[in-house]
Amino acid sequence: MPDSTEWIAAAEDLTPGDVIRWTENIWSDRKKGRGKAAKHKITGKQQVTGQIEEISAEFVHVKVIEAVIVLNETAKPLKTYTKDETLRKKPQTLLKGAVQRLPWSDEEARTISRE
């Protein structure tokens, strides 16, 4: 599905109601290796689109609209987030994934809602 919509890079100016998207790693279910050296392995990447429901002191609560696998480094199907699932992410974690947001039809109303 080609995306012709203009997305805006969002730093720390997120507000409830924003529709955002970011890319994040998908980690393996099982650790590879033995003992203390055992680590989870990155098996792919997914692009997540969601709407911010709430921003608390420590977390951003996002309701998933869509999650699409961008990269699959295994022969097995990867598990992504399901539609309408609510995620709780730290803002720093979202910023790692180069978060973008859709512009509001009335950006002035968005500015007022942030205050």
Foldseek 3Di string as FASTA:
>chain_A
DDDPADWAFDAPLDDAFWKKKFKDFAWDPFWPDDDPPTDIDGFFMKIWIWGFHDDDPFWTKTFTQDIGTPTGNDPDDGDDDDHRDIDIHGSVVRVVRRMITGQDPDNVVVVVNSD
